[in-house]
N, C-alpha and C. Protein backbone atom coordinates (compact mmCIF):
# COMPACT_ATOMS: atom_id res chain seq x y z
N MET A 1 10.85 3.82 11.24
CA MET A 1 12.25 4.04 10.96
C MET A 1 12.36 4.78 9.64
N GLU A 2 13.15 5.82 9.60
CA GLU A 2 13.33 6.59 8.38
C GLU A 2 14.82 6.80 8.15
N GLY A 3 15.15 7.24 6.97
CA GLY A 3 16.53 7.51 6.63
C GLY A 3 16.78 7.13 5.19
N THR A 4 18.04 7.27 4.80
CA THR A 4 18.42 6.97 3.43
C THR A 4 19.75 6.22 3.44
N ILE A 5 19.84 5.23 2.57
CA ILE A 5 21.08 4.47 2.39
C ILE A 5 21.40 4.50 0.91
N GLU A 6 22.66 4.73 0.58
CA GLU A 6 23.10 4.74 -0.81
C GLU A 6 23.92 3.48 -1.08
N VAL A 7 23.55 2.75 -2.15
CA VAL A 7 24.25 1.52 -2.50
C VAL A 7 24.52 1.48 -3.99
N THR A 8 25.43 0.61 -4.38
CA THR A 8 25.68 0.40 -5.81
C THR A 8 24.78 -0.73 -6.30
N THR A 9 24.68 -0.87 -7.62
CA THR A 9 23.86 -1.96 -8.16
C THR A 9 24.42 -3.31 -7.74
N THR A 10 25.73 -3.41 -7.64
CA THR A 10 26.35 -4.67 -7.20
C THR A 10 25.94 -4.99 -5.77
N GLU A 11 26.00 -3.99 -4.87
CA GLU A 11 25.59 -4.21 -3.48
C GLU A 11 24.10 -4.61 -3.41
N LEU A 12 23.28 -3.97 -4.24
CA LEU A 12 21.86 -4.30 -4.25
C LEU A 12 21.64 -5.75 -4.68
N ARG A 13 22.33 -6.17 -5.74
CA ARG A 13 22.19 -7.55 -6.23
C ARG A 13 22.65 -8.55 -5.17
N GLN A 14 23.74 -8.26 -4.51
CA GLN A 14 24.30 -9.19 -3.54
C GLN A 14 23.50 -9.26 -2.24
N ASN A 15 22.78 -8.18 -1.92
CA ASN A 15 22.05 -8.10 -0.65
C ASN A 15 20.60 -7.66 -0.85
N GLN A 16 19.96 -8.18 -1.89
CA GLN A 16 18.62 -7.74 -2.26
C GLN A 16 17.63 -7.84 -1.10
N LYS A 17 17.59 -8.98 -0.40
CA LYS A 17 16.66 -9.16 0.70
C LYS A 17 16.89 -8.12 1.79
N LYS A 18 18.13 -7.88 2.14
CA LYS A 18 18.47 -6.91 3.18
C LYS A 18 17.92 -5.53 2.82
N PHE A 19 18.15 -5.09 1.58
CA PHE A 19 17.73 -3.74 1.20
C PHE A 19 16.21 -3.65 1.02
N LEU A 20 15.56 -4.72 0.57
CA LEU A 20 14.10 -4.71 0.49
C LEU A 20 13.49 -4.68 1.90
N ASP A 21 14.08 -5.40 2.83
CA ASP A 21 13.61 -5.37 4.21
C ASP A 21 13.76 -3.97 4.80
N LEU A 22 14.88 -3.31 4.52
CA LEU A 22 15.08 -1.94 5.00
C LEU A 22 14.06 -0.99 4.37
N ALA A 23 13.81 -1.14 3.08
CA ALA A 23 12.81 -0.30 2.40
C ALA A 23 11.43 -0.52 3.02
N ALA A 24 11.12 -1.77 3.38
CA ALA A 24 9.83 -2.08 4.00
C ALA A 24 9.70 -1.40 5.36
N GLN A 25 10.83 -1.11 6.00
CA GLN A 25 10.82 -0.44 7.30
C GLN A 25 10.75 1.09 7.15
N GLY A 26 10.75 1.58 5.91
CA GLY A 26 10.64 3.02 5.69
C GLY A 26 11.93 3.71 5.31
N ILE A 27 13.00 2.94 5.19
CA ILE A 27 14.27 3.53 4.79
C ILE A 27 14.31 3.64 3.27
N SER A 28 14.72 4.79 2.78
CA SER A 28 14.83 5.01 1.34
C SER A 28 16.19 4.51 0.88
N ILE A 29 16.19 3.66 -0.13
CA ILE A 29 17.43 3.10 -0.66
C ILE A 29 17.73 3.80 -1.98
N LEU A 30 18.87 4.46 -2.06
CA LEU A 30 19.31 5.09 -3.31
C LEU A 30 20.30 4.16 -3.98
N VAL A 31 20.03 3.81 -5.22
CA VAL A 31 20.87 2.88 -5.97
C VAL A 31 21.61 3.68 -7.04
N CYS A 32 22.95 3.62 -6.99
CA CYS A 32 23.79 4.34 -7.94
C CYS A 32 24.21 3.40 -9.07
N ARG A 33 23.99 3.84 -10.31
CA ARG A 33 24.46 3.10 -11.48
C ARG A 33 25.13 4.11 -12.39
N GLY A 34 26.45 4.13 -12.32
CA GLY A 34 27.18 5.14 -13.08
C GLY A 34 26.80 6.52 -12.58
N LYS A 35 26.33 7.37 -13.48
CA LYS A 35 25.90 8.72 -13.09
C LYS A 35 24.41 8.78 -12.77
N GLU A 36 23.72 7.64 -12.90
CA GLU A 36 22.30 7.61 -12.62
C GLU A 36 22.04 7.24 -11.17
N LEU A 37 20.93 7.75 -10.64
CA LEU A 37 20.54 7.47 -9.26
C LEU A 37 19.07 7.04 -9.26
N PHE A 38 18.77 5.92 -8.61
CA PHE A 38 17.41 5.39 -8.52
C PHE A 38 17.03 5.30 -7.05
N GLN A 39 15.73 5.41 -6.79
CA GLN A 39 15.26 5.33 -5.41
C GLN A 39 14.37 4.11 -5.24
N LEU A 40 14.66 3.32 -4.22
CA LEU A 40 13.88 2.13 -3.88
C LEU A 40 13.13 2.43 -2.60
N THR A 41 11.80 2.45 -2.69
CA THR A 41 10.97 2.70 -1.52
C THR A 41 9.79 1.73 -1.53
N ARG A 42 9.21 1.51 -0.35
CA ARG A 42 8.04 0.65 -0.25
C ARG A 42 6.84 1.40 -0.82
N VAL A 43 6.05 0.69 -1.60
CA VAL A 43 4.84 1.26 -2.19
C VAL A 43 3.64 0.61 -1.51
N PRO A 44 2.66 1.42 -1.07
CA PRO A 44 1.47 0.82 -0.44
C PRO A 44 0.81 -0.19 -1.36
N THR A 45 0.30 -1.27 -0.79
CA THR A 45 -0.31 -2.35 -1.55
C THR A 45 -1.43 -1.86 -2.44
N GLU A 46 -2.21 -0.88 -1.98
CA GLU A 46 -3.36 -0.45 -2.78
C GLU A 46 -2.95 0.15 -4.12
N ARG A 47 -1.71 0.54 -4.26
CA ARG A 47 -1.26 1.04 -5.56
C ARG A 47 -1.24 -0.06 -6.61
N ARG A 48 -1.25 -1.29 -6.19
CA ARG A 48 -1.21 -2.41 -7.12
C ARG A 48 -2.59 -2.76 -7.66
N LEU A 49 -3.62 -2.14 -7.12
CA LEU A 49 -4.97 -2.43 -7.56
C LEU A 49 -5.27 -1.73 -8.87
N ASP A 50 -6.15 -2.32 -9.67
CA ASP A 50 -6.48 -1.72 -10.95
C ASP A 50 -7.34 -0.47 -10.76
N ASP A 51 -7.50 0.30 -11.81
CA ASP A 51 -8.20 1.57 -11.75
C ASP A 51 -9.65 1.42 -11.29
N GLU A 52 -10.35 0.40 -11.78
CA GLU A 52 -11.76 0.21 -11.41
C GLU A 52 -11.88 -0.11 -9.93
N THR A 53 -11.01 -0.95 -9.41
CA THR A 53 -11.05 -1.28 -7.99
C THR A 53 -10.74 -0.05 -7.16
N MET A 54 -9.77 0.74 -7.59
CA MET A 54 -9.43 1.98 -6.87
C MET A 54 -10.62 2.95 -6.90
N ARG A 55 -11.35 3.02 -8.02
CA ARG A 55 -12.51 3.89 -8.11
C ARG A 55 -13.58 3.44 -7.11
N GLN A 56 -13.79 2.13 -7.02
CA GLN A 56 -14.78 1.60 -6.09
C GLN A 56 -14.38 1.86 -4.64
N ILE A 57 -13.11 1.72 -4.34
CA ILE A 57 -12.62 1.99 -2.98
C ILE A 57 -12.83 3.46 -2.64
N GLU A 58 -12.50 4.33 -3.57
CA GLU A 58 -12.67 5.77 -3.32
C GLU A 58 -14.14 6.12 -3.14
N GLN A 59 -15.00 5.50 -3.94
CA GLN A 59 -16.45 5.74 -3.81
C GLN A 59 -16.92 5.28 -2.43
N ALA A 60 -16.47 4.11 -1.98
CA ALA A 60 -16.85 3.60 -0.66
C ALA A 60 -16.34 4.52 0.45
N ARG A 61 -15.14 5.04 0.30
CA ARG A 61 -14.59 5.97 1.29
C ARG A 61 -15.44 7.23 1.37
N GLN A 62 -15.86 7.72 0.21
CA GLN A 62 -16.67 8.93 0.17
C GLN A 62 -18.04 8.68 0.79
N GLU A 63 -18.63 7.53 0.50
CA GLU A 63 -19.92 7.18 1.09
C GLU A 63 -19.81 7.09 2.61
N PHE A 64 -18.73 6.51 3.09
CA PHE A 64 -18.50 6.41 4.53
C PHE A 64 -18.35 7.81 5.13
N LYS A 65 -17.59 8.65 4.46
CA LYS A 65 -17.36 10.02 4.91
C LYS A 65 -18.67 10.80 4.98
N ASN A 66 -19.58 10.53 4.03
CA ASN A 66 -20.87 11.21 3.98
C ASN A 66 -21.90 10.59 4.92
N GLY A 67 -21.52 9.54 5.62
CA GLY A 67 -22.44 8.89 6.54
C GLY A 67 -23.42 7.96 5.86
N GLU A 68 -23.12 7.58 4.64
CA GLU A 68 -24.00 6.70 3.87
C GLU A 68 -23.63 5.24 4.16
N THR A 69 -23.81 4.88 5.41
CA THR A 69 -23.44 3.52 5.83
C THR A 69 -24.62 2.88 6.53
N TYR A 70 -24.54 1.59 6.72
CA TYR A 70 -25.56 0.83 7.43
C TYR A 70 -24.84 -0.01 8.47
N SER A 71 -25.27 0.11 9.71
CA SER A 71 -24.64 -0.71 10.74
C SER A 71 -25.67 -1.66 11.33
N VAL A 72 -25.19 -2.81 11.72
CA VAL A 72 -26.05 -3.82 12.33
C VAL A 72 -25.54 -4.11 13.72
N LYS A 73 -26.47 -4.40 14.59
CA LYS A 73 -26.10 -4.63 15.99
C LYS A 73 -26.36 -6.05 16.45
N SER A 74 -26.91 -6.86 15.54
CA SER A 74 -27.18 -8.24 15.93
C SER A 74 -27.15 -9.12 14.67
N ILE A 75 -27.07 -10.40 14.91
CA ILE A 75 -27.10 -11.38 13.81
C ILE A 75 -28.41 -11.27 13.04
N GLU A 76 -29.49 -11.07 13.77
CA GLU A 76 -30.79 -10.96 13.11
C GLU A 76 -30.82 -9.76 12.15
N GLU A 77 -30.32 -8.61 12.61
CA GLU A 77 -30.27 -7.43 11.75
C GLU A 77 -29.39 -7.69 10.53
N LEU A 78 -28.31 -8.41 10.72
CA LEU A 78 -27.42 -8.74 9.61
C LEU A 78 -28.16 -9.60 8.58
N HIS A 79 -28.86 -10.62 9.06
CA HIS A 79 -29.63 -11.49 8.15
C HIS A 79 -30.69 -10.69 7.39
N GLN A 80 -31.38 -9.80 8.09
CA GLN A 80 -32.40 -8.96 7.44
C GLN A 80 -31.76 -8.09 6.36
N PHE A 81 -30.62 -7.51 6.69
CA PHE A 81 -29.93 -6.66 5.72
C PHE A 81 -29.52 -7.46 4.49
N LEU A 82 -28.91 -8.62 4.71
CA LEU A 82 -28.44 -9.43 3.58
C LEU A 82 -29.59 -9.94 2.73
N GLU A 83 -30.70 -10.29 3.35
CA GLU A 83 -31.85 -10.76 2.59
C GLU A 83 -32.48 -9.64 1.77
N ALA A 84 -32.32 -8.41 2.21
CA ALA A 84 -32.89 -7.26 1.49
C ALA A 84 -32.06 -6.90 0.26
N LEU A 85 -30.86 -7.42 0.16
CA LEU A 85 -30.00 -7.06 -0.99
C LEU A 85 -30.46 -7.67 -2.27
């Protein structure tokens, strides 16, 4: 679901759950405060991770992209892999 809804700060305060639920569905909420305009949108969870964690995730993604992975097809292979670590 996409779209935009414009609300006042009073409407946002009175219906916070409603507007957060709409933002979670992909609707952009514009909040008007006097002459100022703010945008309320859902932010992916990974943005909340610290820089080091994000660096590690990106490194793992790159390793996967480069085929630098190890796959196991049985419990025995998994045990062998874990014992080798």
